[in-house]
Amino acid sequence: MEQKTHTSRQYEKELQDVKQRLIYLGALTEKAIKEATDALFERDSVRARSVIDGDEVINHLDEEIEKECIRLLALRQPAARDLRFITTAIKINGHLERIADIAVTISRKVLDLNEEPRLKPYIDLPRMAETSRKMIRESLDALVKENESQAKWVLREDEVVDRLNEQIFRELLTFIMEDPRTTHRALLIMQVSKNLERISDHATSIAKNVIYMVTGKNVRHGMFDCGSYDVFGESLEKKDG
């Protein structure tokens, strides 16, 4: 009986360890995004290179988490809620690693942009960066708290980032039309904006996986009711009216 109790406690510790590693990976990823975007706004090439160099640490942690999840699946044979958590952890781990890769991509664009004069003051990009980071933070907090409502909030915020991306694209297109010499810089900024939009998509996927873990409902595809709004951020009451 003592051995069984010890094993149960050890198993719980192993599950909590996976969760804590995911949270740590999320913190490293969020920091990478902040450093990459701050490097853009402050024209700091040293900071951009630091993000690129630091990606190896994130990749190593990603591999450790994946190996541990596979080990738990093989040795613990989890069922029901534990099985949902471990499979969800594997997916979230992958999304966080890809977000970190995007931070590296942004940093490389920053190095290119810093070789040329600033095209324009950044107004919407800082909002995109902050919202994307907050979406990651909230989706992982929803994982820890097993909070479905918090995960739904992340789904709604994705539309905010999408709209900012479209606005930035239109503005930069105007720059190119008015002065073709700005094309290279404008395209680089467009790519940064698109990368931030992709980060918000990954955060949304994390939130959907959290909802699946908590409720058992697969909401990865199609439209999902987020309370009074759908995932596109439109009011359902307004649509019905």
C-alpha atoms as a PDB file:
ATOM      1  CA  MET A   1       0.000   0.000   0.000  1.00  0.00           C
ATOM      2  CA  GLU A   2       2.842   2.408   0.855  1.00  0.00           C
ATOM      3  CA  GLN A   3       4.458   1.784  -2.519  1.00  0.00           C
ATOM      4  CA  LYS A   4       1.166   2.518  -4.284  1.00  0.00           C
ATOM      5  CA  THR A   5       0.715   5.793  -2.399  1.00  0.00           C
ATOM      6  CA  HIS A   6       4.312   6.798  -3.131  1.00  0.00           C
ATOM      7  CA  THR A   7       3.828   6.009  -6.809  1.00  0.00           C
ATOM      8  CA  SER A   8       0.661   8.095  -6.935  1.00  0.00           C
ATOM      9  CA  ARG A   9       2.381  11.059  -5.314  1.00  0.00           C
ATOM     10  CA  GLN A  10       5.344  10.666  -7.633  1.00  0.00           C
ATOM     11  CA  TYR A  11       3.028  10.588 -10.633  1.00  0.00           C
ATOM     12  CA  GLU A  12       1.325  13.780  -9.475  1.00  0.00           C
ATOM     13  CA  LYS A  13       4.735  15.385  -9.017  1.00  0.00           C
ATOM     14  CA  GLU A  14       5.709  14.390 -12.554  1.00  0.00           C
ATOM     15  CA  LEU A  15       2.533  15.948 -13.973  1.00  0.00           C
ATOM     16  CA  GLN A  16       3.113  19.156 -12.041  1.00  0.00           C
ATOM     17  CA  ASP A  17       6.705  19.222 -13.223  1.00  0.00           C
ATOM     18  CA  VAL A  18       5.556  19.126 -16.858  1.00  0.00           C
ATOM     19  CA  LYS A  19       3.163  21.975 -16.167  1.00  0.00           C
ATOM     20  CA  GLN A  20       5.872  24.076 -14.479  1.00  0.00           C
ATOM     21  CA  ARG A  21       8.285  23.472 -17.340  1.00  0.00           C
ATOM     22  CA  LEU A  22       5.624  24.605 -19.804  1.00  0.00           C
ATOM     23  CA  ILE A  23       5.087  27.788 -17.805  1.00  0.00           C
ATOM     24  CA  TYR A  24       8.846  28.415 -17.753  1.00  0.00           C
ATOM     25  CA  LEU A  25       9.061  27.817 -21.502  1.00  0.00           C
ATOM     26  CA  GLY A  26       6.176  30.247 -21.968  1.00  0.00           C
ATOM     27  CA  ALA A  27       7.997  32.876 -19.901  1.00  0.00           C
ATOM     28  CA  LEU A  28      11.160  32.452 -21.982  1.00  0.00           C
ATOM     29  CA  THR A  29       9.130  32.676 -25.170  1.00  0.00           C
ATOM     30  CA  GLU A  30       7.262  35.784 -24.079  1.00  0.00           C
ATOM     31  CA  LYS A  31      10.571  37.390 -23.101  1.00  0.00           C
ATOM     32  CA  ALA A  32      12.022  36.552 -26.532  1.00  0.00           C
ATOM     33  CA  ILE A  33       9.112  38.323 -28.227  1.00  0.00           C
ATOM     34  CA  LYS A  34       9.504  41.379 -26.002  1.00  0.00           C
ATOM     35  CA  GLU A  35      13.257  41.541 -26.600  1.00  0.00           C
ATOM     36  CA  ALA A  36      12.821  41.133 -30.368  1.00  0.00           C
ATOM     37  CA  THR A  37      10.152  43.820 -30.671  1.00  0.00           C
ATOM     38  CA  ASP A  38      11.918  46.207 -28.272  1.00  0.00           C
ATOM     39  CA  ALA A  39      15.026  45.750 -30.413  1.00  0.00           C
ATOM     40  CA  LEU A  40      12.926  46.947 -33.354  1.00  0.00           C
ATOM     41  CA  PHE A  41      11.383  49.924 -31.595  1.00  0.00           C
ATOM     42  CA  GLU A  42      14.701  51.021 -30.041  1.00  0.00           C
ATOM     43  CA  ARG A  43      16.879  50.043 -33.034  1.00  0.00           C
ATOM     44  CA  ASP A  44      18.983  47.833 -30.788  1.00  0.00           C
ATOM     45  CA  SER A  45      20.879  45.266 -32.860  1.00  0.00           C
ATOM     46  CA  VAL A  46      22.692  43.857 -29.821  1.00  0.00           C
ATOM     47  CA  ARG A  47      19.368  42.899 -28.267  1.00  0.00           C
ATOM     48  CA  ALA A  48      18.191  41.350 -31.527  1.00  0.00           C
ATOM     49  CA  ARG A  49      21.306  39.165 -31.714  1.00  0.00           C
ATOM     50  CA  SER A  50      20.752  38.127 -28.096  1.00  0.00           C
ATOM     51  CA  VAL A  51      17.327  36.726 -29.023  1.00  0.00           C
ATOM     52  CA  ILE A  52      18.857  34.735 -31.870  1.00  0.00           C
ATOM     53  CA  ASP A  53      21.607  33.352 -29.634  1.00  0.00           C
ATOM     54  CA  GLY A  54      19.153  32.470 -26.851  1.00  0.00           C
ATOM     55  CA  ASP A  55      16.967  30.268 -29.036  1.00  0.00           C
ATOM     56  CA  GLU A  56      19.151  27.238 -28.304  1.00  0.00           C
ATOM     57  CA  VAL A  57      18.063  27.269 -24.642  1.00  0.00           C
ATOM     58  CA  ILE A  58      14.402  27.260 -25.674  1.00  0.00           C
ATOM     59  CA  ASN A  59      14.948  24.432 -28.155  1.00  0.00           C
ATOM     60  CA  HIS A  60      16.622  22.335 -25.452  1.00  0.00           C
ATOM     61  CA  LEU A  61      13.747  22.882 -23.020  1.00  0.00           C
ATOM     62  CA  ASP A  62      11.242  22.023 -25.756  1.00  0.00           C
ATOM     63  CA  GLU A  63      12.994  18.680 -26.303  1.00  0.00           C
ATOM     64  CA  GLU A  64      13.070  17.930 -22.564  1.00  0.00           C
ATOM     65  CA  ILE A  65       9.334  18.570 -22.167  1.00  0.00           C
ATOM     66  CA  GLU A  66       8.449  16.436 -25.182  1.00  0.00           C
ATOM     67  CA  LYS A  67      10.600  13.533 -23.948  1.00  0.00           C
ATOM     68  CA  GLU A  68       9.042  13.686 -20.496  1.00  0.00           C
ATOM     69  CA  CYS A  69       5.509  13.677 -21.917  1.00  0.00           C
ATOM     70  CA  ILE A  70       6.302  10.667 -24.087  1.00  0.00           C
ATOM     71  CA  ARG A  71       7.812   8.911 -21.065  1.00  0.00           C
ATOM     72  CA  LEU A  72       4.651   9.533 -19.037  1.00  0.00           C
ATOM     73  CA  LEU A  73       2.464   8.215 -21.852  1.00  0.00           C
ATOM     74  CA  ALA A  74       4.555   5.055 -22.114  1.00  0.00           C
ATOM     75  CA  LEU A  75       5.107   4.279 -18.436  1.00  0.00           C
ATOM     76  CA  ARG A  76       2.081   5.743 -16.637  1.00  0.00           C
ATOM     77  CA  GLN A  77      -0.563   4.841 -19.220  1.00  0.00           C
ATOM     78  CA  PRO A  78      -2.690   7.878 -18.262  1.00  0.00           C
ATOM     79  CA  ALA A  79      -6.436   7.912 -18.771  1.00  0.00           C
ATOM     80  CA  ALA A  80      -9.211  10.499 -19.007  1.00  0.00           C
ATOM     81  CA  ARG A  81      -8.153  13.938 -17.675  1.00  0.00           C
ATOM     82  CA  ASP A  82      -4.471  13.047 -17.231  1.00  0.00           C
ATOM     83  CA  LEU A  83      -4.324  11.783 -20.798  1.00  0.00           C
ATOM     84  CA  ARG A  84      -5.885  15.002 -22.059  1.00  0.00           C
ATOM     85  CA  PHE A  85      -3.381  17.051 -20.061  1.00  0.00           C
ATOM     86  CA  ILE A  86      -0.314  15.210 -21.367  1.00  0.00           C
ATOM     87  CA  THR A  87      -1.423  15.248 -25.007  1.00  0.00           C
ATOM     88  CA  THR A  88      -2.350  18.923 -24.628  1.00  0.00           C
ATOM     89  CA  ALA A  89       1.053  19.642 -23.082  1.00  0.00           C
ATOM     90  CA  ILE A  90       2.794  18.136 -26.112  1.00  0.00           C
ATOM     91  CA  LYS A  91       0.810  20.385 -28.461  1.00  0.00           C
ATOM     92  CA  ILE A  92       1.293  23.521 -26.358  1.00  0.00           C
ATOM     93  CA  ASN A  93       5.011  22.776 -26.145  1.00  0.00           C
ATOM     94  CA  GLY A  94       5.193  22.715 -29.939  1.00  0.00           C
ATOM     95  CA  HIS A  95       3.321  25.997 -30.270  1.00  0.00           C
ATOM     96  CA  LEU A  96       5.641  27.727 -27.788  1.00  0.00           C
ATOM     97  CA  GLU A  97       8.746  26.487 -29.606  1.00  0.00           C
ATOM     98  CA  ARG A  98       7.384  27.793 -32.910  1.00  0.00           C
ATOM     99  CA  ILE A  99       6.581  31.162 -31.295  1.00  0.00           C
ATOM    100  CA  ALA A 100      10.205  31.360 -30.140  1.00  0.00           C
ATOM    101  CA  ASP A 101      11.308  30.628 -33.710  1.00  0.00           C
ATOM    102  CA  ILE A 102       9.166  33.530 -34.881  1.00  0.00           C
ATOM    103  CA  ALA A 103      10.874  35.794 -32.331  1.00  0.00           C
ATOM    104  CA  VAL A 104      14.185  34.802 -33.946  1.00  0.00           C
ATOM    105  CA  THR A 105      12.760  35.606 -37.389  1.00  0.00           C
ATOM    106  CA  ILE A 106      11.628  39.039 -36.180  1.00  0.00           C
ATOM    107  CA  SER A 107      15.103  39.656 -34.741  1.00  0.00           C
ATOM    108  CA  ARG A 108      16.694  38.939 -38.112  1.00  0.00           C
ATOM    109  CA  LYS A 109      14.318  41.434 -39.757  1.00  0.00           C
ATOM    110  CA  VAL A 110      15.332  43.954 -37.091  1.00  0.00           C
ATOM    111  CA  LEU A 111      18.991  43.559 -38.011  1.00  0.00           C
ATOM    112  CA  ASP A 112      18.116  44.337 -41.630  1.00  0.00           C
ATOM    113  CA  LEU A 113      15.921  47.313 -40.722  1.00  0.00           C
ATOM    114  CA  ASN A 114      18.587  48.796 -38.455  1.00  0.00           C
ATOM    115  CA  GLU A 115      20.903  49.074 -41.443  1.00  0.00           C
ATOM    116  CA  GLU A 116      18.565  51.666 -42.968  1.00  0.00           C
ATOM    117  CA  PRO A 117      16.900  54.916 -41.791  1.00  0.00           C
ATOM    118  CA  ARG A 118      13.681  54.525 -39.815  1.00  0.00           C
ATOM    119  CA  LEU A 119      10.702  54.543 -42.158  1.00  0.00           C
ATOM    120  CA  LYS A 120       8.047  55.799 -39.726  1.00  0.00           C
ATOM    121  CA  PRO A 121       7.155  55.999 -36.027  1.00  0.00           C
ATOM    122  CA  TYR A 122       5.768  52.706 -34.738  1.00  0.00           C
ATOM    123  CA  ILE A 123       2.230  53.046 -33.408  1.00  0.00           C
ATOM    124  CA  ASP A 124       0.254  49.871 -34.125  1.00  0.00           C
ATOM    125  CA  LEU A 125       3.175  47.422 -33.976  1.00  0.00           C
ATOM    126  CA  PRO A 126       3.745  48.008 -30.223  1.00  0.00           C
ATOM    127  CA  ARG A 127       0.034  47.343 -29.668  1.00  0.00           C
ATOM    128  CA  MET A 128       0.274  44.133 -31.674  1.00  0.00           C
ATOM    129  CA  ALA A 129       3.352  43.017 -29.762  1.00  0.00           C
ATOM    130  CA  GLU A 130       1.805  43.723 -26.357  1.00  0.00           C
ATOM    131  CA  THR A 131      -1.484  42.009 -27.252  1.00  0.00           C
ATOM    132  CA  SER A 132       0.301  38.941 -28.645  1.00  0.00           C
ATOM    133  CA  ARG A 133       2.429  38.615 -25.519  1.00  0.00           C
ATOM    134  CA  LYS A 134      -0.600  39.001 -23.296  1.00  0.00           C
ATOM    135  CA  MET A 135      -2.426  36.298 -25.264  1.00  0.00           C
ATOM    136  CA  ILE A 136       0.409  33.866 -24.568  1.00  0.00           C
ATOM    137  CA  ARG A 137       0.491  34.824 -20.899  1.00  0.00           C
ATOM    138  CA  GLU A 138      -3.287  34.485 -20.493  1.00  0.00           C
ATOM    139  CA  SER A 139      -3.498  31.178 -22.368  1.00  0.00           C
ATOM    140  CA  LEU A 140      -0.852  29.637 -20.103  1.00  0.00           C
ATOM    141  CA  ASP A 141      -2.495  31.122 -17.018  1.00  0.00           C
ATOM    142  CA  ALA A 142      -5.724  29.497 -18.196  1.00  0.00           C
ATOM    143  CA  LEU A 143      -3.810  26.210 -18.351  1.00  0.00           C
ATOM    144  CA  VAL A 144      -2.595  26.556 -14.771  1.00  0.00           C
ATOM    145  CA  LYS A 145      -6.005  27.590 -13.440  1.00  0.00           C
ATOM    146  CA  GLU A 146      -7.914  25.302 -15.836  1.00  0.00           C
ATOM    147  CA  ASN A 147     -10.004  28.361 -16.629  1.00  0.00           C
ATOM    148  CA  GLU A 148     -12.183  27.990 -19.711  1.00  0.00           C
ATOM    149  CA  SER A 149     -13.401  31.606 -19.624  1.00  0.00           C
ATOM    150  CA  GLN A 150      -9.843  32.932 -19.624  1.00  0.00           C
ATOM    151  CA  ALA A 151      -9.040  30.755 -22.633  1.00  0.00           C
ATOM    152  CA  LYS A 152     -12.086  32.131 -24.455  1.00  0.00           C
ATOM    153  CA  TRP A 153     -10.810  35.666 -23.868  1.00  0.00           C
ATOM    154  CA  VAL A 154      -7.676  34.746 -25.804  1.00  0.00           C
ATOM    155  CA  LEU A 155      -9.792  33.574 -28.745  1.00  0.00           C
ATOM    156  CA  ARG A 156     -11.530  36.939 -28.901  1.00  0.00           C
ATOM    157  CA  GLU A 157      -8.274  38.901 -28.790  1.00  0.00           C
ATOM    158  CA  ASP A 158      -7.006  37.179 -31.932  1.00  0.00           C
ATOM    159  CA  GLU A 159      -9.327  39.346 -34.019  1.00  0.00           C
ATOM    160  CA  VAL A 160      -7.797  42.502 -32.482  1.00  0.00           C
ATOM    161  CA  VAL A 161      -4.356  41.463 -33.729  1.00  0.00           C
ATOM    162  CA  ASP A 162      -5.740  40.497 -37.149  1.00  0.00           C
ATOM    163  CA  ARG A 163      -7.271  43.939 -37.594  1.00  0.00           C
ATOM    164  CA  LEU A 164      -4.070  45.712 -36.570  1.00  0.00           C
ATOM    165  CA  ASN A 165      -2.133  43.602 -39.076  1.00  0.00           C
ATOM    166  CA  GLU A 166      -4.518  44.595 -41.862  1.00  0.00           C
ATOM    167  CA  GLN A 167      -4.264  48.264 -40.857  1.00  0.00           C
ATOM    168  CA  ILE A 168      -0.463  48.174 -40.896  1.00  0.00           C
ATOM    169  CA  PHE A 169      -0.464  46.464 -44.294  1.00  0.00           C
ATOM    170  CA  ARG A 170      -2.692  49.161 -45.810  1.00  0.00           C
ATOM    171  CA  GLU A 171      -0.592  51.966 -44.324  1.00  0.00           C
ATOM    172  CA  LEU A 172       2.700  50.529 -45.582  1.00  0.00           C
ATOM    173  CA  LEU A 173       1.232  49.888 -49.010  1.00  0.00           C
ATOM    174  CA  THR A 174       0.507  53.609 -49.176  1.00  0.00           C
ATOM    175  CA  PHE A 175       4.156  54.359 -48.368  1.00  0.00           C
ATOM    176  CA  ILE A 176       5.293  52.114 -51.232  1.00  0.00           C
ATOM    177  CA  MET A 177       2.865  53.677 -53.703  1.00  0.00           C
ATOM    178  CA  GLU A 178       3.934  57.192 -52.767  1.00  0.00           C
ATOM    179  CA  ASP A 179       7.668  56.466 -52.763  1.00  0.00           C
ATOM    180  CA  PRO A 180       8.969  53.176 -54.265  1.00  0.00           C
ATOM    181  CA  ARG A 181      12.296  53.761 -52.509  1.00  0.00           C
ATOM    182  CA  THR A 182      10.622  52.741 -49.242  1.00  0.00           C
ATOM    183  CA  THR A 183       9.649  49.314 -50.606  1.00  0.00           C
ATOM    184  CA  HIS A 184      12.366  47.256 -48.914  1.00  0.00           C
ATOM    185  CA  ARG A 185      11.831  48.779 -45.474  1.00  0.00           C
ATOM    186  CA  ALA A 186       8.052  48.631 -45.814  1.00  0.00           C
ATOM    187  CA  LEU A 187       8.146  44.949 -46.773  1.00  0.00           C
ATOM    188  CA  LEU A 188      10.353  44.124 -43.791  1.00  0.00           C
ATOM    189  CA  ILE A 189       7.917  45.840 -41.422  1.00  0.00           C
ATOM    190  CA  MET A 190       5.011  44.032 -43.090  1.00  0.00           C
ATOM    191  CA  GLN A 191       6.798  40.758 -42.409  1.00  0.00           C
ATOM    192  CA  VAL A 192       7.276  41.683 -38.751  1.00  0.00           C
ATOM    193  CA  SER A 193       3.578  42.510 -38.504  1.00  0.00           C
ATOM    194  CA  LYS A 194       2.636  39.213 -40.133  1.00  0.00           C
ATOM    195  CA  ASN A 195       4.913  37.357 -37.732  1.00  0.00           C
ATOM    196  CA  LEU A 196       3.181  38.979 -34.755  1.00  0.00           C
ATOM    197  CA  GLU A 197      -0.141  37.915 -36.253  1.00  0.00           C
ATOM    198  CA  ARG A 198       1.178  34.354 -36.482  1.00  0.00           C
ATOM    199  CA  ILE A 199       2.182  34.509 -32.817  1.00  0.00           C
ATOM    200  CA  SER A 200      -1.378  35.430 -31.880  1.00  0.00           C
ATOM    201  CA  ASP A 201      -2.595  32.472 -33.956  1.00  0.00           C
ATOM    202  CA  HIS A 202      -0.345  30.149 -31.955  1.00  0.00           C
ATOM    203  CA  ALA A 203      -1.612  31.674 -28.702  1.00  0.00           C
ATOM    204  CA  THR A 204      -5.152  31.049 -29.928  1.00  0.00           C
ATOM    205  CA  SER A 205      -4.292  27.419 -30.634  1.00  0.00           C
ATOM    206  CA  ILE A 206      -2.883  27.093 -27.118  1.00  0.00           C
ATOM    207  CA  ALA A 207      -6.134  28.488 -25.699  1.00  0.00           C
ATOM    208  CA  LYS A 208      -8.204  26.052 -27.762  1.00  0.00           C
ATOM    209  CA  ASN A 209      -6.099  23.177 -26.459  1.00  0.00           C
ATOM    210  CA  VAL A 210      -6.697  24.398 -22.910  1.00  0.00           C
ATOM    211  CA  ILE A 211     -10.435  24.380 -23.545  1.00  0.00           C
ATOM    212  CA  TYR A 212     -10.140  20.821 -24.816  1.00  0.00           C
ATOM    213  CA  MET A 213      -8.171  19.801 -21.724  1.00  0.00           C
ATOM    214  CA  VAL A 214     -10.721  21.347 -19.363  1.00  0.00           C
ATOM    215  CA  THR A 215     -13.956  20.377 -21.119  1.00  0.00           C
ATOM    216  CA  GLY A 216     -13.064  17.495 -23.438  1.00  0.00           C
ATOM    217  CA  LYS A 217     -14.571  19.473 -26.339  1.00  0.00           C
ATOM    218  CA  ASN A 218     -12.523  19.732 -29.525  1.00  0.00           C
ATOM    219  CA  VAL A 219     -12.762  23.388 -30.614  1.00  0.00           C
ATOM    220  CA  ARG A 220      -9.716  23.507 -32.894  1.00  0.00           C
ATOM    221  CA  HIS A 221     -11.760  23.801 -36.088  1.00  0.00           C
ATOM    222  CA  GLY A 222     -14.568  26.126 -37.116  1.00  0.00           C
ATOM    223  CA  MET A 223     -16.322  28.823 -35.128  1.00  0.00           C
ATOM    224  CA  PHE A 224     -16.625  28.553 -31.370  1.00  0.00           C
ATOM    225  CA  ASP A 225     -19.002  30.332 -29.023  1.00  0.00           C
ATOM    226  CA  CYS A 226     -16.917  32.537 -26.703  1.00  0.00           C
ATOM    227  CA  GLY A 227     -19.788  33.749 -24.558  1.00  0.00           C
ATOM    228  CA  SER A 228     -21.402  36.799 -26.163  1.00  0.00           C
ATOM    229  CA  TYR A 229     -18.891  36.787 -29.045  1.00  0.00           C
ATOM    230  CA  ASP A 230     -17.764  34.307 -31.651  1.00  0.00           C
ATOM    231  CA  VAL A 231     -14.083  33.690 -32.339  1.00  0.00           C
ATOM    232  CA  PHE A 232     -14.149  36.446 -34.942  1.00  0.00           C
ATOM    233  CA  GLY A 233     -14.964  39.006 -32.233  1.00  0.00           C
ATOM    234  CA  GLU A 234     -18.426  39.774 -33.579  1.00  0.00           C
ATOM    235  CA  SER A 235     -21.365  40.142 -31.242  1.00  0.00           C
ATOM    236  CA  LEU A 236     -23.687  37.131 -31.472  1.00  0.00           C
ATOM    237  CA  GLU A 237     -26.592  39.191 -30.155  1.00  0.00           C
ATOM    238  CA  LYS A 238     -26.043  41.726 -32.943  1.00  0.00           C
ATOM    239  CA  LYS A 239     -25.980  38.957 -35.544  1.00  0.00           C
ATOM    240  CA  ASP A 240     -29.199  37.475 -34.233  1.00  0.00           C
ATOM    241  CA  GLY A 241     -30.856  40.872 -34.379  1.00  0.00           C
END
